[in-house]
Amino acid sequence: IYMKRQKSKRLQVTGKLILFVSVLVMLIIFTLTAIFYTSLDRAYQNWIDSSYQSYDSNIRTAAESLVSVLNVNYERYQSGEITEKEALENAKAIVRNTRYNDGSGYFWADTSAGLCAVHMNPEYEGKMRYDDQDLKGDYYIRSFIKNGSQPGGGFTNFYFTKPGQDGTYAKRAYTIKFEPYDWYISTGNYIDDIDQAVSGYQREKILNIVLLAVVSLFICVTGVLILGRFLHRITAPLSPIAD
């Protein structure tokens, strides 16, 4: 009976110590995990936001570069190096044939009246599109003209078809005006292409968060088990004293 009482008291002392220290350790691990999670989530979100912004910067830089080339061509006409007709034909060829992003990026030009002055697709070139609506019913050409009239140009979200695929696709365009010909030069990215490129970051973010949670849980469980054995050795000699 005495030995049973001694063992019971020892277990009570050990249990209380394990409970107290375990709660303390778990609180510390939980706090550190929450801090790491917040930092990790913020870092990945900044990375994702930066990726989306880089696509905007890419099409803006491409459009501005194209306008710079058009300006050089127009200056050749002003200096008498080429005729007005040659300058105009050169300008159309520049807009129609220039590519970027491994050939997937292209340009088109609309006038302030809504006339499609230049387009890689003959179906659109020469067509009056001022009253045209996108696949969601928005007057997207009017938006190109409005946003392109801003200082430094502007962005427009609209819905359009996608070459080789069926359905409606969201697209984000950047438009800047080329004054000599009253051309609103536009180019854009399909938003689902951007989402697909960024989805890799999202998957990596989720994977690292899950890994963080698993490691934290493992450390917590392992710590409690080790702590139990350690405290058992400490409390064993204390039971007779407590008795």
Protein backbone atom coordinates (compact mmCIF):
# COMPACT_ATOMS: atom_id res chain seq x y z
CA ILE A 1 0.00 0.00 0.00
CA TYR A 2 2.81 2.39 0.88
CA MET A 3 4.52 1.81 -2.47
CA LYS A 4 1.27 2.45 -4.33
CA ARG A 5 0.77 5.72 -2.47
CA GLN A 6 4.33 6.78 -3.24
CA LYS A 7 3.86 6.01 -6.92
CA SER A 8 0.52 7.88 -6.99
CA LYS A 9 2.04 10.97 -5.38
CA ARG A 10 4.99 10.84 -7.75
CA LEU A 11 2.65 10.65 -10.73
CA GLN A 12 0.62 13.59 -9.40
CA VAL A 13 3.73 15.76 -9.02
CA THR A 14 5.05 14.69 -12.42
CA GLY A 15 1.69 15.24 -14.09
CA LYS A 16 1.31 18.75 -12.70
CA LEU A 17 4.82 19.71 -13.77
CA ILE A 18 4.34 18.20 -17.23
CA LEU A 19 1.02 20.01 -17.64
CA PHE A 20 2.45 23.36 -16.56
CA VAL A 21 5.64 23.20 -18.62
CA SER A 22 3.85 21.66 -21.62
CA VAL A 23 1.33 24.49 -21.71
CA LEU A 24 4.17 27.00 -21.44
CA VAL A 25 6.14 25.32 -24.23
CA MET A 26 3.09 25.04 -26.49
CA LEU A 27 2.28 28.72 -25.97
CA ILE A 28 5.83 29.66 -26.94
CA ILE A 29 5.79 27.39 -30.00
CA PHE A 30 2.33 28.66 -31.00
CA THR A 31 3.47 32.28 -30.69
CA LEU A 32 6.63 31.68 -32.72
CA THR A 33 4.67 29.71 -35.33
CA ALA A 34 2.12 32.53 -35.64
CA ILE A 35 4.94 35.06 -36.08
CA PHE A 36 6.67 32.91 -38.72
CA TYR A 37 3.34 32.28 -40.49
CA THR A 38 2.55 36.01 -40.64
CA SER A 39 6.02 36.84 -41.95
CA LEU A 40 5.91 34.01 -44.49
CA ASP A 41 2.44 34.94 -45.69
CA ARG A 42 3.41 38.61 -46.04
CA ALA A 43 6.61 37.75 -47.91
CA TYR A 44 4.80 35.52 -50.41
CA GLN A 45 1.97 38.03 -50.85
CA ASN A 46 4.51 40.77 -51.62
CA TRP A 47 6.17 38.41 -54.06
CA ILE A 48 2.83 37.66 -55.76
CA ASP A 49 1.84 41.34 -55.88
CA SER A 50 5.24 42.18 -57.33
CA SER A 51 4.74 39.53 -60.02
CA TYR A 52 1.39 41.01 -61.07
CA GLN A 53 2.95 44.48 -61.16
CA SER A 54 5.80 43.20 -63.29
CA TYR A 55 3.33 42.12 -65.98
CA ASP A 56 1.85 45.63 -65.99
CA SER A 57 5.33 47.12 -66.18
CA ASN A 58 6.23 44.76 -69.01
CA ILE A 59 3.38 45.77 -71.33
CA ARG A 60 3.81 49.44 -70.45
CA THR A 61 7.52 49.33 -71.25
CA ALA A 62 6.80 47.48 -74.51
CA ALA A 63 4.22 50.09 -75.60
CA GLU A 64 6.48 53.01 -74.68
CA SER A 65 9.36 51.41 -76.59
CA LEU A 66 7.16 50.98 -79.65
CA VAL A 67 6.11 54.64 -79.52
CA SER A 68 9.79 55.60 -79.32
CA VAL A 69 10.43 53.67 -82.54
CA LEU A 70 7.42 55.36 -84.18
CA ASN A 71 8.79 58.74 -83.15
CA VAL A 72 12.13 57.94 -84.80
CA ASN A 73 10.31 56.92 -87.97
CA TYR A 74 8.22 60.11 -87.93
CA GLU A 75 11.34 62.24 -87.41
CA ARG A 76 12.77 60.72 -90.60
CA TYR A 77 9.73 62.07 -92.46
CA GLN A 78 10.04 65.49 -90.81
CA SER A 79 13.70 65.69 -91.83
CA GLY A 80 12.81 64.84 -95.43
CA GLU A 81 14.59 61.50 -95.39
CA ILE A 82 11.38 59.64 -96.37
CA THR A 83 8.00 60.72 -97.72
CA GLU A 84 4.83 61.06 -95.68
CA LYS A 85 3.38 57.98 -97.33
CA GLU A 86 6.52 55.95 -96.63
CA ALA A 87 6.51 57.08 -93.02
CA LEU A 88 2.88 56.01 -92.59
CA GLU A 89 3.46 52.61 -94.19
CA ASN A 90 6.56 52.11 -92.06
CA ALA A 91 4.57 53.02 -88.94
CA LYS A 92 1.83 50.51 -89.79
CA ALA A 93 4.41 47.78 -90.40
CA ILE A 94 6.11 48.57 -87.08
CA VAL A 95 2.87 48.25 -85.12
CA ARG A 96 1.61 45.25 -87.06
CA ASN A 97 4.82 43.18 -87.00
CA THR A 98 6.50 44.01 -83.69
CA ARG A 99 6.45 41.16 -81.16
CA TYR A 100 7.72 40.65 -77.62
CA ASN A 101 7.46 37.97 -74.88
CA ASP A 102 8.73 35.27 -77.25
CA GLY A 103 6.27 36.32 -79.92
CA SER A 104 3.09 36.17 -77.82
CA GLY A 105 2.89 39.94 -77.27
CA TYR A 106 1.59 42.13 -80.09
CA PHE A 107 0.19 45.65 -80.66
CA TRP A 108 -2.76 47.33 -82.30
CA ALA A 109 -3.75 50.95 -82.94
CA ASP A 110 -7.14 52.69 -82.82
CA THR A 111 -7.89 56.33 -83.61
CA SER A 112 -9.83 58.69 -81.36
CA ALA A 113 -12.86 58.11 -83.61
CA GLY A 114 -12.69 54.38 -82.90
CA LEU A 115 -11.23 53.29 -86.25
CA CYS A 116 -8.86 50.32 -86.00
CA ALA A 117 -5.92 51.77 -87.90
CA VAL A 118 -3.52 48.83 -87.48
CA HIS A 119 -3.98 45.27 -86.30
CA MET A 120 -2.26 41.94 -86.90
CA ASN A 121 -5.70 40.48 -87.70
CA PRO A 122 -7.03 41.75 -91.07
CA GLU A 123 -10.54 41.19 -89.73
CA TYR A 124 -10.15 44.16 -87.39
CA GLU A 125 -7.89 46.48 -89.36
CA GLY A 126 -9.86 49.28 -91.05
CA LYS A 127 -12.99 48.55 -89.01
CA MET A 128 -14.90 51.24 -87.09
CA ARG A 129 -15.01 49.85 -83.54
CA TYR A 130 -16.07 52.81 -81.40
CA ASP A 131 -19.40 51.19 -80.49
CA ASP A 132 -18.05 47.66 -80.23
CA GLN A 133 -18.58 45.85 -76.95
CA ASP A 134 -16.45 43.15 -75.38
CA LEU A 135 -17.84 39.76 -74.37
CA LYS A 136 -19.20 41.25 -71.12
CA GLY A 137 -20.97 44.15 -72.84
CA ASP A 138 -18.44 46.92 -72.05
CA TYR A 139 -17.39 49.51 -74.64
CA TYR A 140 -13.75 48.49 -74.48
CA ILE A 141 -12.52 50.61 -77.40
CA ARG A 142 -13.90 53.71 -75.70
CA SER A 143 -12.01 52.65 -72.57
CA PHE A 144 -8.79 52.31 -74.57
CA ILE A 145 -9.22 55.84 -75.88
CA LYS A 146 -10.18 57.27 -72.49
CA ASN A 147 -7.36 55.62 -70.55
CA GLY A 148 -4.82 56.19 -73.31
CA SER A 149 -5.59 59.92 -73.24
CA GLN A 150 -4.29 60.19 -69.68
CA PRO A 151 -0.77 61.55 -69.19
CA GLY A 152 1.50 58.55 -69.53
CA GLY A 153 -1.30 56.31 -70.80
CA GLY A 154 -3.48 53.92 -68.80
CA PHE A 155 -4.67 50.35 -68.23
CA THR A 156 -7.98 48.76 -69.26
CA ASN A 157 -9.53 45.45 -68.19
CA PHE A 158 -11.81 43.84 -70.77
CA TYR A 159 -13.07 40.43 -71.94
CA PHE A 160 -12.10 38.95 -75.26
CA THR A 161 -11.51 35.74 -77.18
CA LYS A 162 -8.23 33.86 -77.00
CA PRO A 163 -6.48 32.52 -80.12
CA GLY A 164 -6.99 28.79 -80.47
CA GLN A 165 -9.38 28.51 -77.51
CA ASP A 166 -13.11 28.81 -76.94
CA GLY A 167 -14.72 30.91 -74.24
CA THR A 168 -14.41 34.34 -72.66
CA TYR A 169 -11.08 35.48 -71.25
CA ALA A 170 -10.21 38.49 -69.12
CA LYS A 171 -7.47 40.64 -70.57
CA ARG A 172 -5.56 43.64 -69.24
CA ALA A 173 -4.32 46.16 -71.78
CA TYR A 174 -2.12 49.23 -71.64
CA THR A 175 -2.76 52.09 -74.07
CA ILE A 176 -0.62 55.12 -74.91
CA LYS A 177 -1.27 57.75 -77.57
CA PHE A 178 0.96 58.43 -80.55
CA GLU A 179 0.02 62.02 -81.34
CA PRO A 180 1.22 62.45 -84.97
CA TYR A 181 -1.27 59.91 -86.33
CA ASP A 182 -3.90 60.10 -83.58
CA TRP A 183 -3.16 56.47 -82.80
CA TYR A 184 -3.91 54.86 -79.47
CA ILE A 185 -1.30 52.09 -79.29
CA SER A 186 -2.43 49.16 -77.14
CA THR A 187 -1.04 45.83 -76.01
CA GLY A 188 -2.02 43.45 -73.23
CA ASN A 189 -1.83 40.21 -71.28
CA TYR A 190 -4.46 37.55 -70.67
CA ILE A 191 -5.13 37.54 -66.94
CA ASP A 192 -5.43 33.75 -66.79
CA ASP A 193 -1.90 33.50 -68.20
CA ILE A 194 -0.71 35.76 -65.38
CA ASP A 195 -2.66 33.73 -62.81
CA GLN A 196 -1.14 30.51 -64.13
CA ALA A 197 2.36 31.92 -63.87
CA VAL A 198 1.74 33.20 -60.34
CA SER A 199 -0.04 29.99 -59.19
CA GLY A 200 3.37 28.39 -58.69
CA TYR A 201 4.08 30.94 -55.96
CA GLN A 202 0.69 30.18 -54.39
CA ARG A 203 1.41 26.43 -54.30
CA GLU A 204 4.85 27.04 -52.84
CA LYS A 205 3.34 29.32 -50.20
CA ILE A 206 0.76 26.69 -49.13
CA LEU A 207 3.43 23.95 -49.08
CA ASN A 208 5.72 25.98 -46.83
CA ILE A 209 2.87 26.91 -44.49
CA VAL A 210 1.86 23.23 -44.15
CA LEU A 211 5.51 22.30 -43.58
CA LEU A 212 5.76 24.96 -40.89
CA ALA A 213 2.65 23.60 -39.14
CA VAL A 214 3.91 19.97 -39.29
CA VAL A 215 7.36 20.90 -37.95
CA SER A 216 5.81 22.95 -35.14
CA LEU A 217 3.51 20.06 -34.16
CA PHE A 218 6.40 17.58 -34.28
CA ILE A 219 8.55 19.80 -32.06
CA CYS A 220 5.68 20.23 -29.62
CA VAL A 221 4.88 16.49 -29.31
CA THR A 222 8.56 15.49 -29.13
CA GLY A 223 9.21 18.15 -26.51
CA VAL A 224 6.35 16.95 -24.32
CA LEU A 225 7.54 13.30 -24.51
CA ILE A 226 11.12 14.22 -23.66
CA LEU A 227 9.88 16.53 -20.93
CA GLY A 228 7.80 13.71 -19.38
CA ARG A 229 10.78 11.40 -19.09
CA PHE A 230 13.00 14.17 -17.77
CA LEU A 231 10.51 15.29 -15.13
CA HIS A 232 9.89 11.70 -14.05
CA ARG A 233 13.57 11.43 -13.08
CA ILE A 234 13.42 14.72 -11.21
CA THR A 235 10.23 14.05 -9.28
CA ALA A 236 11.03 10.48 -8.24
CA PRO A 237 13.28 11.57 -5.31
CA LEU A 238 10.77 14.29 -4.30
CA SER A 239 7.90 11.91 -3.49
CA PRO A 240 9.30 10.74 -0.11
CA ILE A 241 9.96 14.36 0.82
CA ALA A 242 6.42 15.36 -0.13
CA ASP A 243 5.13 12.40 1.92
